[in-house]
C-alpha atoms as a PDB file:
ATOM      1  CA  MET A   1      30.034 -52.707 -11.411  1.00  0.00           C
ATOM      2  CA  THR A   2      26.303 -52.819 -10.745  1.00  0.00           C
ATOM      3  CA  LEU A   3      26.376 -49.197  -9.620  1.00  0.00           C
ATOM      4  CA  VAL A   4      27.925 -48.172 -12.943  1.00  0.00           C
ATOM      5  CA  LEU A   5      25.389 -50.296 -14.813  1.00  0.00           C
ATOM      6  CA  ALA A   6      22.521 -48.748 -12.855  1.00  0.00           C
ATOM      7  CA  ALA A   7      23.821 -45.228 -13.521  1.00  0.00           C
ATOM      8  CA  THR A   8      24.206 -46.004 -17.220  1.00  0.00           C
ATOM      9  CA  LEU A   9      20.704 -47.464 -17.349  1.00  0.00           C
ATOM     10  CA  ALA A  10      19.288 -44.421 -15.525  1.00  0.00           C
ATOM     11  CA  ALA A  11      21.046 -42.052 -17.929  1.00  0.00           C
ATOM     12  CA  THR A  12      19.735 -44.047 -20.884  1.00  0.00           C
ATOM     13  CA  LEU A  13      16.192 -44.010 -19.518  1.00  0.00           C
ATOM     14  CA  ALA A  14      16.444 -40.274 -18.799  1.00  0.00           C
ATOM     15  CA  GLY A  15      17.643 -39.663 -22.361  1.00  0.00           C
ATOM     16  CA  LEU A  16      14.841 -41.827 -23.717  1.00  0.00           C
ATOM     17  CA  ALA A  17      12.246 -39.974 -21.628  1.00  0.00           C
ATOM     18  CA  LYS A  18      13.631 -36.631 -22.786  1.00  0.00           C
ATOM     19  CA  THR A  19      13.508 -37.723 -26.419  1.00  0.00           C
ATOM     20  CA  LEU A  20       9.971 -39.057 -25.981  1.00  0.00           C
ATOM     21  CA  LEU A  21       8.769 -35.831 -24.368  1.00  0.00           C
ATOM     22  CA  LEU A  22      10.361 -33.684 -27.070  1.00  0.00           C
ATOM     23  CA  THR A  23       8.748 -35.865 -29.726  1.00  0.00           C
ATOM     24  CA  LEU A  24       5.358 -35.538 -28.059  1.00  0.00           C
ATOM     25  CA  ILE A  25       5.759 -31.771 -27.855  1.00  0.00           C
ATOM     26  CA  ALA A  26       6.712 -31.644 -31.540  1.00  0.00           C
ATOM     27  CA  VAL A  27       3.692 -33.748 -32.520  1.00  0.00           C
ATOM     28  CA  LEU A  28       1.374 -31.597 -30.399  1.00  0.00           C
ATOM     29  CA  ASN A  29       2.874 -28.470 -31.933  1.00  0.00           C
ATOM     30  CA  GLY A  30       2.263 -29.890 -35.402  1.00  0.00           C
ATOM     31  CA  ILE A  31      -1.348 -30.738 -34.571  1.00  0.00           C
ATOM     32  CA  LEU A  32      -1.972 -27.268 -33.151  1.00  0.00           C
ATOM     33  CA  ALA A  33      -0.366 -25.656 -36.192  1.00  0.00           C
ATOM     34  CA  LEU A  34      -2.595 -27.754 -38.449  1.00  0.00           C
ATOM     35  CA  LEU A  35      -5.687 -26.707 -36.493  1.00  0.00           C
ATOM     36  CA  ALA A  36      -4.647 -23.054 -36.694  1.00  0.00           C
ATOM     37  CA  ALA A  37      -4.085 -23.376 -40.444  1.00  0.00           C
ATOM     38  CA  LEU A  38      -7.490 -25.007 -40.887  1.00  0.00           C
ATOM     39  CA  ALA A  39      -9.161 -22.288 -38.820  1.00  0.00           C
ATOM     40  CA  THR A  40      -7.476 -19.601 -40.909  1.00  0.00           C
ATOM     41  CA  TRP A  41      -8.357 -21.416 -44.133  1.00  0.00           C
ATOM     42  CA  LYS A  42     -11.983 -21.750 -43.050  1.00  0.00           C
ATOM     43  CA  THR A  43     -12.076 -18.056 -42.215  1.00  0.00           C
ATOM     44  CA  TYR A  44     -10.751 -17.118 -45.651  1.00  0.00           C
ATOM     45  CA  LEU A  45     -13.120 -19.599 -47.293  1.00  0.00           C
ATOM     46  CA  ALA A  46     -16.090 -18.116 -45.440  1.00  0.00           C
ATOM     47  CA  LEU A  47     -14.970 -14.588 -46.299  1.00  0.00           C
ATOM     48  CA  GLY A  48     -14.459 -15.501 -49.956  1.00  0.00           C
ATOM     49  CA  THR A  49     -17.872 -17.150 -50.090  1.00  0.00           C
ATOM     50  CA  LYS A  50     -19.500 -14.047 -48.622  1.00  0.00           C
ATOM     51  CA  VAL A  51     -17.730 -11.801 -51.125  1.00  0.00           C
ATOM     52  CA  LEU A  52     -18.741 -14.117 -53.987  1.00  0.00           C
ATOM     53  CA  LEU A  53     -22.380 -14.158 -52.900  1.00  0.00           C
ATOM     54  CA  ILE A  54     -22.393 -10.379 -52.549  1.00  0.00           C
ATOM     55  CA  ALA A  55     -20.862 -10.047 -56.021  1.00  0.00           C
ATOM     56  CA  LEU A  56     -23.363 -12.509 -57.505  1.00  0.00           C
ATOM     57  CA  PHE A  57     -26.176 -10.456 -56.023  1.00  0.00           C
ATOM     58  CA  CYS A  58     -24.824  -6.933 -56.589  1.00  0.00           C
ATOM     59  CA  VAL A  59     -23.450  -7.220 -60.135  1.00  0.00           C
ATOM     60  CA  PRO A  60     -26.845  -7.951 -61.771  1.00  0.00           C
ATOM     61  CA  ILE A  61     -28.540  -5.319 -59.606  1.00  0.00           C
ATOM     62  CA  VAL A  62     -25.938  -2.692 -60.554  1.00  0.00           C
ATOM     63  CA  GLY A  63     -26.183  -3.767 -64.202  1.00  0.00           C
ATOM     64  CA  LEU A  64     -29.948  -3.410 -64.118  1.00  0.00           C
ATOM     65  CA  LEU A  65     -29.687   0.030 -62.505  1.00  0.00           C
ATOM     66  CA  VAL A  66     -27.123   1.156 -65.099  1.00  0.00           C
ATOM     67  CA  PHE A  67     -29.423  -0.035 -67.870  1.00  0.00           C
ATOM     68  CA  LEU A  68     -32.433   1.710 -66.343  1.00  0.00           C
ATOM     69  CA  VAL A  69     -30.557   4.993 -65.914  1.00  0.00           C
ATOM     70  CA  TRP A  70     -28.251   5.077 -68.945  1.00  0.00           C
ATOM     71  CA  GLY A  71     -29.163   2.185 -71.242  1.00  0.00           C
ATOM     72  CA  GLN A  72     -32.789   3.116 -71.824  1.00  0.00           C
ATOM     73  CA  ARG A  73     -31.719   6.575 -72.956  1.00  0.00           C
ATOM     74  CA  VAL A  74     -29.214   5.053 -75.379  1.00  0.00           C
ATOM     75  CA  VAL A  75     -31.826   2.636 -76.739  1.00  0.00           C
ATOM     76  CA  ARG A  76     -34.384   5.467 -77.057  1.00  0.00           C
ATOM     77  CA  ASP A  77     -31.837   7.671 -78.878  1.00  0.00           C
ATOM     78  CA  ASN A  78     -30.914   4.864 -81.297  1.00  0.00           C
ATOM     79  CA  GLN A  79     -34.559   4.153 -82.134  1.00  0.00           C
ATOM     80  CA  ARG A  80     -35.091   7.669 -83.514  1.00  0.00           C
END
């Protein structure tokens, strides 16, 4: 009887250990997935910020160049 009880207890403990290890692996997988998502998000955020800063710098410069090349001629023609 004690041998059966010991075998049952060992099987229960083995099942509990297996469940605990699988749970720990799942939690670790979730944490790693979250870190990967944050790294990707930060990369896109940095890239978007760079593009925005380039656009904020280039759009007025291009607008000024267009005015200097084309707009002054239009203004000069309309003043005559």
